[in-house]
Amino acid sequence: MNLDEFIAQALENGMRNAYVDEPGFDTLYVRVATRFLDGQRMRTIDLATIGASVPGGGAFTKLVARLREQYPTMTIFVESVQTERFRNKLREMGFIEREWEPYNFYLLPKKME
């Protein structure tokens, strides 16, 4: 199942999580959830396990741009970021680190900026 098929199923029938096929990634585990962020409840696309085929090759940047375009009302949440390099990249992309939950980042929906 690809990422768009998963999101469609999650929004339609409540499917909560899955490993999905996505170009540029060896592994991508995702969830659709509702989280309390920035003072309100938000629908999120959670990226929980991310394994790029070529780390640093731009696949994640392209994925985020596509998700923001296709799902402009959803927040992108990246959990348990293990490397400082990736944490810095997320900050450069505009992701916000949760103060009370280190190494977890979110990017507000395009429509809220």
PDB file of N, CA and C in Angstrom:
ATOM      1  N   MET A   1       0.854  -1.166   0.000  1.00  0.00           N
ATOM      2  CA  MET A   1       0.000   0.000   0.000  1.00  0.00           C
ATOM      3  C   MET A   1       0.905   1.236   0.000  1.00  0.00           C
ATOM      4  N   ASN A   2       0.559   2.221  -0.821  1.00  0.00           N
ATOM      5  CA  ASN A   2       1.368   3.440  -0.821  1.00  0.00           C
ATOM      6  C   ASN A   2       0.810   4.433   0.205  1.00  0.00           C
ATOM      7  N   LEU A   3       1.532   5.511   0.426  1.00  0.00           N
ATOM      8  CA  LEU A   3       1.176   6.476   1.459  1.00  0.00           C
ATOM      9  C   LEU A   3      -0.183   7.123   1.209  1.00  0.00           C
ATOM     10  N   ASP A   4      -0.468   7.492  -0.025  1.00  0.00           N
ATOM     11  CA  ASP A   4      -1.749   8.138  -0.314  1.00  0.00           C
ATOM     12  C   ASP A   4      -2.923   7.179  -0.102  1.00  0.00           C
ATOM     13  N   GLU A   5      -2.743   5.912  -0.463  1.00  0.00           N
ATOM     14  CA  GLU A   5      -3.793   4.919  -0.209  1.00  0.00           C
ATOM     15  C   GLU A   5      -4.034   4.768   1.293  1.00  0.00           C
ATOM     16  N   PHE A   6      -2.939   4.731   2.056  1.00  0.00           N
ATOM     17  CA  PHE A   6      -3.085   4.623   3.502  1.00  0.00           C
ATOM     18  C   PHE A   6      -3.833   5.820   4.085  1.00  0.00           C
ATOM     19  N   ILE A   7      -3.447   7.033   3.707  1.00  0.00           N
ATOM     20  CA  ILE A   7      -4.101   8.231   4.250  1.00  0.00           C
ATOM     21  C   ILE A   7      -5.581   8.228   3.895  1.00  0.00           C
ATOM     22  N   ALA A   8      -5.902   7.867   2.659  1.00  0.00           N
ATOM     23  CA  ALA A   8      -7.315   7.808   2.255  1.00  0.00           C
ATOM     24  C   ALA A   8      -8.086   6.820   3.128  1.00  0.00           C
ATOM     25  N   GLN A   9      -7.516   5.647   3.357  1.00  0.00           N
ATOM     26  CA  GLN A   9      -8.186   4.653   4.198  1.00  0.00           C
ATOM     27  C   GLN A   9      -8.288   5.125   5.640  1.00  0.00           C
ATOM     28  N   ALA A  10      -7.246   5.759   6.131  1.00  0.00           N
ATOM     29  CA  ALA A  10      -7.257   6.245   7.513  1.00  0.00           C
ATOM     30  C   ALA A  10      -8.340   7.289   7.712  1.00  0.00           C
ATOM     31  N   LEU A  11      -8.480   8.190   6.756  1.00  0.00           N
ATOM     32  CA  LEU A  11      -9.491   9.240   6.883  1.00  0.00           C
ATOM     33  C   LEU A  11     -10.903   8.690   6.676  1.00  0.00           C
ATOM     34  N   GLU A  12     -11.017   7.638   5.864  1.00  0.00           N
ATOM     35  CA  GLU A  12     -12.331   7.084   5.551  1.00  0.00           C
ATOM     36  C   GLU A  12     -12.828   6.100   6.610  1.00  0.00           C
ATOM     37  N   ASN A  13     -11.938   5.187   7.012  1.00  0.00           N
ATOM     38  CA  ASN A  13     -12.429   4.129   7.904  1.00  0.00           C
ATOM     39  C   ASN A  13     -11.631   3.981   9.198  1.00  0.00           C
ATOM     40  N   GLY A  14     -10.760   4.913   9.473  1.00  0.00           N
ATOM     41  CA  GLY A  14     -10.058   4.906  10.747  1.00  0.00           C
ATOM     42  C   GLY A  14      -8.832   4.030  10.835  1.00  0.00           C
ATOM     43  N   MET A  15      -8.330   3.502   9.708  1.00  0.00           N
ATOM     44  CA  MET A  15      -7.078   2.737   9.748  1.00  0.00           C
ATOM     45  C   MET A  15      -6.022   3.615  10.405  1.00  0.00           C
ATOM     46  N   ARG A  16      -5.325   3.108  11.395  1.00  0.00           N
ATOM     47  CA  ARG A  16      -4.485   3.982  12.218  1.00  0.00           C
ATOM     48  C   ARG A  16      -3.010   3.998  11.848  1.00  0.00           C
ATOM     49  N   ASN A  17      -2.435   2.894  11.389  1.00  0.00           N
ATOM     50  CA  ASN A  17      -1.000   2.883  11.127  1.00  0.00           C
ATOM     51  C   ASN A  17      -0.643   1.794  10.127  1.00  0.00           C
ATOM     52  N   ALA A  18       0.498   2.004   9.470  1.00  0.00           N
ATOM     53  CA  ALA A  18       0.955   1.012   8.490  1.00  0.00           C
ATOM     54  C   ALA A  18       2.365   1.337   8.021  1.00  0.00           C
ATOM     55  N   TYR A  19       3.072   0.309   7.613  1.00  0.00           N
ATOM     56  CA  TYR A  19       4.272   0.507   6.811  1.00  0.00           C
ATOM     57  C   TYR A  19       3.782   0.725   5.387  1.00  0.00           C
ATOM     58  N   VAL A  20       4.301   1.744   4.720  1.00  0.00           N
ATOM     59  CA  VAL A  20       3.829   2.063   3.380  1.00  0.00           C
ATOM     60  C   VAL A  20       4.996   2.098   2.398  1.00  0.00           C
ATOM     61  N   ASP A  21       4.659   1.940   1.126  1.00  0.00           N
ATOM     62  CA  ASP A  21       5.636   2.078   0.049  1.00  0.00           C
ATOM     63  C   ASP A  21       5.631   3.523  -0.407  1.00  0.00           C
ATOM     64  N   GLU A  22       6.821   4.106  -0.469  1.00  0.00           N
ATOM     65  CA  GLU A  22       6.957   5.496  -0.901  1.00  0.00           C
ATOM     66  C   GLU A  22       8.283   5.623  -1.639  1.00  0.00           C
ATOM     67  N   PRO A  23       8.263   6.178  -2.855  1.00  0.00           N
ATOM     68  CA  PRO A  23       9.515   6.344  -3.602  1.00  0.00           C
ATOM     69  C   PRO A  23      10.558   7.111  -2.782  1.00  0.00           C
ATOM     70  N   GLY A  24      11.780   6.611  -2.802  1.00  0.00           N
ATOM     71  CA  GLY A  24      12.882   7.258  -2.093  1.00  0.00           C
ATOM     72  C   GLY A  24      13.100   6.751  -0.674  1.00  0.00           C
ATOM     73  N   PHE A  25      12.253   5.793  -0.235  1.00  0.00           N
ATOM     74  CA  PHE A  25      12.365   5.280   1.130  1.00  0.00           C
ATOM     75  C   PHE A  25      12.433   3.762   1.140  1.00  0.00           C
ATOM     76  N   ASP A  26      13.349   3.231   1.949  1.00  0.00           N
ATOM     77  CA  ASP A  26      13.392   1.789   2.183  1.00  0.00           C
ATOM     78  C   ASP A  26      12.338   1.396   3.208  1.00  0.00           C
ATOM     79  N   THR A  27      12.121   2.286   4.189  1.00  0.00           N
ATOM     80  CA  THR A  27      11.162   2.041   5.259  1.00  0.00           C
ATOM     81  C   THR A  27      10.418   3.330   5.565  1.00  0.00           C
ATOM     82  N   LEU A  28       9.093   3.232   5.682  1.00  0.00           N
ATOM     83  CA  LEU A  28       8.299   4.385   6.107  1.00  0.00           C
ATOM     84  C   LEU A  28       7.069   3.857   6.853  1.00  0.00           C
ATOM     85  N   TYR A  29       7.051   4.122   8.161  1.00  0.00           N
ATOM     86  CA  TYR A  29       5.942   3.726   9.018  1.00  0.00           C
ATOM     87  C   TYR A  29       5.185   4.989   9.394  1.00  0.00           C
ATOM     88  N   VAL A  30       3.878   4.980   9.176  1.00  0.00           N
ATOM     89  CA  VAL A  30       3.092   6.205   9.366  1.00  0.00           C
ATOM     90  C   VAL A  30       1.821   5.927  10.164  1.00  0.00           C
ATOM     91  N   ARG A  31       1.283   7.001  10.712  1.00  0.00           N
ATOM     92  CA  ARG A  31       0.002   6.974  11.405  1.00  0.00           C
ATOM     93  C   ARG A  31      -0.788   8.198  10.986  1.00  0.00           C
ATOM     94  N   VAL A  32      -2.096   8.110  11.085  1.00  0.00           N
ATOM     95  CA  VAL A  32      -2.951   9.293  11.055  1.00  0.00           C
ATOM     96  C   VAL A  32      -3.555   9.356  12.445  1.00  0.00           C
ATOM     97  N   ALA A  33      -3.400  10.503  13.090  1.00  0.00           N
ATOM     98  CA  ALA A  33      -3.825  10.631  14.481  1.00  0.00           C
ATOM     99  C   ALA A  33      -4.429  12.007  14.720  1.00  0.00           C
ATOM    100  N   THR A  34      -4.911  12.191  15.931  1.00  0.00           N
ATOM    101  CA  THR A  34      -5.322  13.513  16.397  1.00  0.00           C
ATOM    102  C   THR A  34      -4.457  13.827  17.602  1.00  0.00           C
ATOM    103  N   ARG A  35      -3.798  14.971  17.569  1.00  0.00           N
ATOM    104  CA  ARG A  35      -2.895  15.382  18.647  1.00  0.00           C
ATOM    105  C   ARG A  35      -3.264  16.782  19.112  1.00  0.00           C
ATOM    106  N   PHE A  36      -2.908  17.072  20.353  1.00  0.00           N
ATOM    107  CA  PHE A  36      -3.076  18.413  20.898  1.00  0.00           C
ATOM    108  C   PHE A  36      -1.750  19.146  20.694  1.00  0.00           C
ATOM    109  N   LEU A  37      -1.738  20.085  19.745  1.00  0.00           N
ATOM    110  CA  LEU A  37      -0.526  20.834  19.393  1.00  0.00           C
ATOM    111  C   LEU A  37      -0.868  22.312  19.265  1.00  0.00           C
ATOM    112  N   ASP A  38       0.057  23.144  19.661  1.00  0.00           N
ATOM    113  CA  ASP A  38      -0.106  24.585  19.467  1.00  0.00           C
ATOM    114  C   ASP A  38      -1.445  25.081  20.038  1.00  0.00           C
ATOM    115  N   GLY A  39      -1.859  24.486  21.165  1.00  0.00           N
ATOM    116  CA  GLY A  39      -3.066  24.917  21.846  1.00  0.00           C
ATOM    117  C   GLY A  39      -4.377  24.399  21.296  1.00  0.00           C
ATOM    118  N   GLN A  40      -4.322  23.465  20.345  1.00  0.00           N
ATOM    119  CA  GLN A  40      -5.574  22.933  19.800  1.00  0.00           C
ATOM    120  C   GLN A  40      -5.412  21.512  19.276  1.00  0.00           C
ATOM    121  N   ARG A  41      -6.550  20.842  19.114  1.00  0.00           N
ATOM    122  CA  ARG A  41      -6.536  19.486  18.551  1.00  0.00           C
ATOM    123  C   ARG A  41      -6.327  19.583  17.043  1.00  0.00           C
ATOM    124  N   MET A  42      -5.402  18.763  16.557  1.00  0.00           N
ATOM    125  CA  MET A  42      -5.090  18.776  15.127  1.00  0.00           C
ATOM    126  C   MET A  42      -5.010  17.360  14.598  1.00  0.00           C
ATOM    127  N   ARG A  43      -5.451  17.194  13.375  1.00  0.00           N
ATOM    128  CA  ARG A  43      -5.295  15.927  12.659  1.00  0.00           C
ATOM    129  C   ARG A  43      -3.861  15.892  12.148  1.00  0.00           C
ATOM    130  N   THR A  44      -3.166  14.774  12.373  1.00  0.00           N
ATOM    131  CA  THR A  44      -1.755  14.698  12.000  1.00  0.00           C
ATOM    132  C   THR A  44      -1.460  13.503  11.106  1.00  0.00           C
ATOM    133  N   ILE A  45      -0.438  13.684  10.294  1.00  0.00           N
ATOM    134  CA  ILE A  45       0.210  12.586   9.598  1.00  0.00           C
ATOM    135  C   ILE A  45       1.506  12.373  10.366  1.00  0.00           C
ATOM    136  N   ASP A  46       1.598  11.258  11.085  1.00  0.00           N
ATOM    137  CA  ASP A  46       2.782  10.963  11.891  1.00  0.00           C
ATOM    138  C   ASP A  46       3.751  10.123  11.081  1.00  0.00           C
ATOM    139  N   LEU A  47       4.971  10.579  11.006  1.00  0.00           N
ATOM    140  CA  LEU A  47       6.039   9.830  10.362  1.00  0.00           C
ATOM    141  C   LEU A  47       6.879   9.255  11.492  1.00  0.00           C
ATOM    142  N   ALA A  48       6.755   7.947  11.719  1.00  0.00           N
ATOM    143  CA  ALA A  48       7.325   7.348  12.917  1.00  0.00           C
ATOM    144  C   ALA A  48       8.648   6.625  12.664  1.00  0.00           C
ATOM    145  N   THR A  49       8.744   5.903  11.581  1.00  0.00           N
ATOM    146  CA  THR A  49       9.995   5.242  11.209  1.00  0.00           C
ATOM    147  C   THR A  49      10.313   5.684   9.789  1.00  0.00           C
ATOM    148  N   ILE A  50      11.453   6.334   9.636  1.00  0.00           N
ATOM    149  CA  ILE A  50      11.818   6.897   8.336  1.00  0.00           C
ATOM    150  C   ILE A  50      13.182   6.341   7.944  1.00  0.00           C
ATOM    151  N   GLY A  51      13.237   5.624   6.856  1.00  0.00           N
ATOM    152  CA  GLY A  51      14.498   5.106   6.347  1.00  0.00           C
ATOM    153  C   GLY A  51      14.637   5.465   4.882  1.00  0.00           C
ATOM    154  N   ALA A  52      15.356   6.542   4.619  1.00  0.00           N
ATOM    155  CA  ALA A  52      15.547   6.983   3.232  1.00  0.00           C
ATOM    156  C   ALA A  52      16.473   6.018   2.502  1.00  0.00           C
ATOM    157  N   SER A  53      16.178   5.787   1.229  1.00  0.00           N
ATOM    158  CA  SER A  53      17.045   4.936   0.410  1.00  0.00           C
ATOM    159  C   SER A  53      18.440   5.536   0.313  1.00  0.00           C
ATOM    160  N   VAL A  54      18.498   6.877   0.180  1.00  0.00           N
ATOM    161  CA  VAL A  54      19.765   7.601   0.136  1.00  0.00           C
ATOM    162  C   VAL A  54      19.669   8.740   1.162  1.00  0.00           C
ATOM    163  N   PRO A  55      20.126   8.517   2.399  1.00  0.00           N
ATOM    164  CA  PRO A  55      20.049   9.577   3.400  1.00  0.00           C
ATOM    165  C   PRO A  55      20.720  10.860   2.910  1.00  0.00           C
ATOM    166  N   GLY A  56      20.023  11.973   3.088  1.00  0.00           N
ATOM    167  CA  GLY A  56      20.544  13.257   2.625  1.00  0.00           C
ATOM    168  C   GLY A  56      20.291  13.515   1.152  1.00  0.00           C
ATOM    169  N   GLY A  57      19.569  12.623   0.492  1.00  0.00           N
ATOM    170  CA  GLY A  57      19.338  12.738  -0.948  1.00  0.00           C
ATOM    171  C   GLY A  57      18.116  13.556  -1.343  1.00  0.00           C
ATOM    172  N   GLY A  58      17.378  14.068  -0.370  1.00  0.00           N
ATOM    173  CA  GLY A  58      16.251  14.944  -0.677  1.00  0.00           C
ATOM    174  C   GLY A  58      14.880  14.288  -0.673  1.00  0.00           C
ATOM    175  N   ALA A  59      14.805  12.984  -0.425  1.00  0.00           N
ATOM    176  CA  ALA A  59      13.506  12.298  -0.460  1.00  0.00           C
ATOM    177  C   ALA A  59      12.563  12.843   0.617  1.00  0.00           C
ATOM    178  N   PHE A  60      13.070  13.108   1.811  1.00  0.00           N
ATOM    179  CA  PHE A  60      12.209  13.599   2.887  1.00  0.00           C
ATOM    180  C   PHE A  60      11.689  14.999   2.567  1.00  0.00           C
ATOM    181  N   THR A  61      12.545  15.854   2.063  1.00  0.00           N
ATOM    182  CA  THR A  61      12.132  17.217   1.699  1.00  0.00           C
ATOM    183  C   THR A  61      11.030  17.170   0.645  1.00  0.00           C
ATOM    184  N   LYS A  62      11.184  16.311  -0.340  1.00  0.00           N
ATOM    185  CA  LYS A  62      10.159  16.159  -1.384  1.00  0.00           C
ATOM    186  C   LYS A  62       8.861  15.600  -0.803  1.00  0.00           C
ATOM    187  N   LEU A  63       8.991  14.648   0.112  1.00  0.00           N
ATOM    188  CA  LEU A  63       7.806  14.056   0.731  1.00  0.00           C
ATOM    189  C   LEU A  63       7.027  15.113   1.507  1.00  0.00           C
ATOM    190  N   VAL A  64       7.705  15.908   2.300  1.00  0.00           N
ATOM    191  CA  VAL A  64       7.023  16.948   3.088  1.00  0.00           C
ATOM    192  C   VAL A  64       6.340  17.951   2.169  1.00  0.00           C
ATOM    193  N   ALA A  65       7.015  18.373   1.113  1.00  0.00           N
ATOM    194  CA  ALA A  65       6.411  19.325   0.168  1.00  0.00           C
ATOM    195  C   ALA A  65       5.142  18.736  -0.452  1.00  0.00           C
ATOM    196  N   ARG A  66       5.191  17.474  -0.816  1.00  0.00           N
ATOM    197  CA  ARG A  66       4.021  16.821  -1.410  1.00  0.00           C
ATOM    198  C   ARG A  66       2.880  16.689  -0.407  1.00  0.00           C
ATOM    199  N   LEU A  67       3.194  16.264   0.803  1.00  0.00           N
ATOM    200  CA  LEU A  67       2.159  16.125   1.825  1.00  0.00           C
ATOM    201  C   LEU A  67       1.488  17.460   2.131  1.00  0.00           C
ATOM    202  N   ARG A  68       2.283  18.513   2.206  1.00  0.00           N
ATOM    203  CA  ARG A  68       1.712  19.837   2.492  1.00  0.00           C
ATOM    204  C   ARG A  68       0.807  20.313   1.359  1.00  0.00           C
ATOM    205  N   GLU A  69       1.149  19.944   0.146  1.00  0.00           N
ATOM    206  CA  GLU A  69       0.329  20.339  -1.004  1.00  0.00           C
ATOM    207  C   GLU A  69      -0.958  19.514  -1.074  1.00  0.00           C
ATOM    208  N   GLN A  70      -0.842  18.215  -0.868  1.00  0.00           N
ATOM    209  CA  GLN A  70      -1.993  17.331  -1.008  1.00  0.00           C
ATOM    210  C   GLN A  70      -2.915  17.320   0.216  1.00  0.00           C
ATOM    211  N   TYR A  71      -2.364  17.602   1.388  1.00  0.00           N
ATOM    212  CA  TYR A  71      -3.134  17.552   2.638  1.00  0.00           C
ATOM    213  C   TYR A  71      -2.902  18.844   3.434  1.00  0.00           C
ATOM    214  N   PRO A  72      -3.331  19.981   2.885  1.00  0.00           N
ATOM    215  CA  PRO A  72      -2.975  21.286   3.467  1.00  0.00           C
ATOM    216  C   PRO A  72      -3.590  21.566   4.838  1.00  0.00           C
ATOM    217  N   THR A  73      -4.551  20.763   5.278  1.00  0.00           N
ATOM    218  CA  THR A  73      -5.157  20.994   6.589  1.00  0.00           C
ATOM    219  C   THR A  73      -4.575  20.086   7.672  1.00  0.00           C
ATOM    220  N   MET A  74      -3.632  19.232   7.300  1.00  0.00           N
ATOM    221  CA  MET A  74      -3.073  18.290   8.264  1.00  0.00           C
ATOM    222  C   MET A  74      -1.679  18.703   8.710  1.00  0.00           C
ATOM    223  N   THR A  75      -1.413  18.498   9.988  1.00  0.00           N
ATOM    224  CA  THR A  75      -0.096  18.745  10.568  1.00  0.00           C
ATOM    225  C   THR A  75       0.788  17.531  10.299  1.00  0.00           C
ATOM    226  N   ILE A  76       2.059  17.760  10.024  1.00  0.00           N
ATOM    227  CA  ILE A  76       3.020  16.670   9.860  1.00  0.00           C
ATOM    228  C   ILE A  76       3.794  16.556  11.174  1.00  0.00           C
ATOM    229  N   PHE A  77       3.794  15.366  11.745  1.00  0.00           N
ATOM    230  CA  PHE A  77       4.441  15.107  13.024  1.00  0.00           C
ATOM    231  C   PHE A  77       5.531  14.063  12.812  1.00  0.00           C
ATOM    232  N   VAL A  78       6.734  14.363  13.276  1.00  0.00           N
ATOM    233  CA  VAL A  78       7.857  13.432  13.144  1.00  0.00           C
ATOM    234  C   VAL A  78       8.311  13.082  14.552  1.00  0.00           C
ATOM    235  N   GLU A  79       8.273  11.804  14.872  1.00  0.00           N
ATOM    236  CA  GLU A  79       8.552  11.416  16.251  1.00  0.00           C
ATOM    237  C   GLU A  79       9.905  10.749  16.424  1.00  0.00           C
ATOM    238  N   SER A  80      10.462  10.941  17.606  1.00  0.00           N
ATOM    239  CA  SER A  80      11.687  10.262  18.056  1.00  0.00           C
ATOM    240  C   SER A  80      12.839  10.391  17.069  1.00  0.00           C
ATOM    241  N   VAL A  81      13.165  11.610  16.714  1.00  0.00           N
ATOM    242  CA  VAL A  81      14.252  11.863  15.763  1.00  0.00           C
ATOM    243  C   VAL A  81      15.584  11.574  16.455  1.00  0.00           C
ATOM    244  N   GLN A  82      16.308  10.615  15.929  1.00  0.00           N
ATOM    245  CA  GLN A  82      17.494  10.094  16.597  1.00  0.00           C
ATOM    246  C   GLN A  82      18.787  10.855  16.331  1.00  0.00           C
ATOM    247  N   THR A  83      18.910  11.502  15.175  1.00  0.00           N
ATOM    248  CA  THR A  83      20.199  12.127  14.858  1.00  0.00           C
ATOM    249  C   THR A  83      20.116  13.652  14.898  1.00  0.00           C
ATOM    250  N   GLU A  84      21.188  14.247  15.347  1.00  0.00           N
ATOM    251  CA  GLU A  84      21.249  15.715  15.398  1.00  0.00           C
ATOM    252  C   GLU A  84      21.149  16.302  13.992  1.00  0.00           C
ATOM    253  N   ARG A  85      21.742  15.634  13.026  1.00  0.00           N
ATOM    254  CA  ARG A  85      21.687  16.114  11.642  1.00  0.00           C
ATOM    255  C   ARG A  85      20.234  16.239  11.165  1.00  0.00           C
ATOM    256  N   PHE A  86      19.423  15.203  11.435  1.00  0.00           N
ATOM    257  CA  PHE A  86      18.023  15.233  11.008  1.00  0.00           C
ATOM    258  C   PHE A  86      17.232  16.257  11.828  1.00  0.00           C
ATOM    259  N   ARG A  87      17.519  16.360  13.127  1.00  0.00           N
ATOM    260  CA  ARG A  87      16.845  17.386  13.950  1.00  0.00           C
ATOM    261  C   ARG A  87      17.115  18.777  13.390  1.00  0.00           C
ATOM    262  N   ASN A  88      18.362  19.036  13.024  1.00  0.00           N
ATOM    263  CA  ASN A  88      18.712  20.348  12.452  1.00  0.00           C
ATOM    264  C   ASN A  88      17.991  20.576  11.128  1.00  0.00           C
ATOM    265  N   LYS A  89      17.886  19.541  10.313  1.00  0.00           N
ATOM    266  CA  LYS A  89      17.181  19.651   9.027  1.00  0.00           C
ATOM    267  C   LYS A  89      15.712  19.996   9.267  1.00  0.00           C
ATOM    268  N   LEU A  90      15.085  19.345  10.219  1.00  0.00           N
ATOM    269  CA  LEU A  90      13.683  19.637  10.518  1.00  0.00           C
ATOM    270  C   LEU A  90      13.518  21.092  10.954  1.00  0.00           C
ATOM    271  N   ARG A  91      14.397  21.566  11.806  1.00  0.00           N
ATOM    272  CA  ARG A  91      14.330  22.968  12.245  1.00  0.00           C
ATOM    273  C   ARG A  91      14.474  23.915  11.050  1.00  0.00           C
ATOM    274  N   GLU A  92      15.406  23.610  10.150  1.00  0.00           N
ATOM    275  CA  GLU A  92      15.605  24.433   8.947  1.00  0.00           C
ATOM    276  C   GLU A  92      14.359  24.451   8.073  1.00  0.00           C
ATOM    277  N   MET A  93      13.608  23.362   8.072  1.00  0.00           N
ATOM    278  CA  MET A  93      12.393  23.253   7.258  1.00  0.00           C
ATOM    279  C   MET A  93      11.189  23.917   7.920  1.00  0.00           C
ATOM    280  N   GLY A  94      11.367  24.407   9.149  1.00  0.00           N
ATOM    281  CA  GLY A  94      10.273  25.086   9.837  1.00  0.00           C
ATOM    282  C   GLY A  94       9.526  24.240  10.845  1.00  0.00           C
ATOM    283  N   PHE A  95       9.987  23.017  11.081  1.00  0.00           N
ATOM    284  CA  PHE A  95       9.362  22.176  12.090  1.00  0.00           C
ATOM    285  C   PHE A  95       9.633  22.746  13.474  1.00  0.00           C
ATOM    286  N   ILE A  96       8.689  22.547  14.369  1.00  0.00           N
ATOM    287  CA  ILE A  96       8.779  23.022  15.748  1.00  0.00           C
ATOM    288  C   ILE A  96       9.011  21.812  16.645  1.00  0.00           C
ATOM    289  N   GLU A  97      10.006  21.918  17.528  1.00  0.00           N
ATOM    290  CA  GLU A  97      10.254  20.822  18.468  1.00  0.00           C
ATOM    291  C   GLU A  97       9.368  21.000  19.693  1.00  0.00           C
ATOM    292  N   ARG A  98       8.735  19.935  20.120  1.00  0.00           N
ATOM    293  CA  ARG A  98       7.894  19.998  21.314  1.00  0.00           C
ATOM    294  C   ARG A  98       8.794  20.190  22.527  1.00  0.00           C
ATOM    295  N   GLU A  99       8.546  21.239  23.300  1.00  0.00           N
ATOM    296  CA  GLU A  99       9.403  21.568  24.446  1.00  0.00           C
ATOM    297  C   GLU A  99       9.405  20.460  25.489  1.00  0.00           C
ATOM    298  N   TRP A 100       8.263  19.902  25.791  1.00  0.00           N
ATOM    299  CA  TRP A 100       8.163  18.903  26.851  1.00  0.00           C
ATOM    300  C   TRP A 100       8.335  17.474  26.351  1.00  0.00           C
ATOM    301  N   GLU A 101       8.569  17.324  25.055  1.00  0.00           N
ATOM    302  CA  GLU A 101       8.739  16.003  24.454  1.00  0.00           C
ATOM    303  C   GLU A 101       9.880  16.078  23.433  1.00  0.00           C
ATOM    304  N   PRO A 102      11.118  16.110  23.923  1.00  0.00           N
ATOM    305  CA  PRO A 102      12.260  16.309  23.018  1.00  0.00           C
ATOM    306  C   PRO A 102      12.328  15.269  21.908  1.00  0.00           C
ATOM    307  N   TYR A 103      12.889  15.700  20.804  1.00  0.00           N
ATOM    308  CA  TYR A 103      13.108  14.869  19.623  1.00  0.00           C
ATOM    309  C   TYR A 103      11.826  14.548  18.865  1.00  0.00           C
ATOM    310  N   ASN A 104      10.733  15.230  19.200  1.00  0.00           N
ATOM    311  CA  ASN A 104       9.479  15.119  18.458  1.00  0.00           C
ATOM    312  C   ASN A 104       9.173  16.485  17.864  1.00  0.00           C
ATOM    313  N   PHE A 105       8.863  16.510  16.580  1.00  0.00           N
ATOM    314  CA  PHE A 105       8.708  17.757  15.842  1.00  0.00           C
ATOM    315  C   PHE A 105       7.381  17.777  15.102  1.00  0.00           C
ATOM    316  N   TYR A 106       6.856  18.972  14.870  1.00  0.00           N
ATOM    317  CA  TYR A 106       5.649  19.095  14.059  1.00  0.00           C
ATOM    318  C   TYR A 106       5.739  20.325  13.161  1.00  0.00           C
ATOM    319  N   LEU A 107       5.036  20.239  12.051  1.00  0.00           N
ATOM    320  CA  LEU A 107       4.955  21.327  11.089  1.00  0.00           C
ATOM    321  C   LEU A 107       3.469  21.644  10.908  1.00  0.00           C
ATOM    322  N   LEU A 108       3.094  22.853  11.280  1.00  0.00           N
ATOM    323  CA  LEU A 108       1.694  23.247  11.226  1.00  0.00           C
ATOM    324  C   LEU A 108       1.151  23.147   9.805  1.00  0.00           C
ATOM    325  N   PRO A 109      -0.153  22.951   9.688  1.00  0.00           N
ATOM    326  CA  PRO A 109      -0.758  22.862   8.359  1.00  0.00           C
ATOM    327  C   PRO A 109      -0.501  24.116   7.529  1.00  0.00           C
ATOM    328  N   LYS A 110      -0.397  23.926   6.268  1.00  0.00           N
ATOM    329  CA  LYS A 110      -0.157  25.019   5.344  1.00  0.00           C
ATOM    330  C   LYS A 110      -1.187  26.127   5.498  1.00  0.00           C
ATOM    331  N   LYS A 111      -2.416  25.759   5.765  1.00  0.00           N
ATOM    332  CA  LYS A 111      -3.490  26.751   5.894  1.00  0.00           C
ATOM    333  C   LYS A 111      -3.415  27.550   7.179  1.00  0.00           C
ATOM    334  N   MET A 112      -2.570  27.146   8.151  1.00  0.00           N
ATOM    335  CA  MET A 112      -2.472  27.868   9.421  1.00  0.00           C
ATOM    336  C   MET A 112      -1.300  28.829   9.461  1.00  0.00           C
ATOM    337  N   GLU A 113      -0.423  28.788   8.489  1.00  0.00           N
ATOM    338  CA  GLU A 113       0.773  29.632   8.523  1.00  0.00           C
ATOM    339  C   GLU A 113       0.443  31.088   8.284  1.00  0.00           C
TER     340      GLU A 113
END
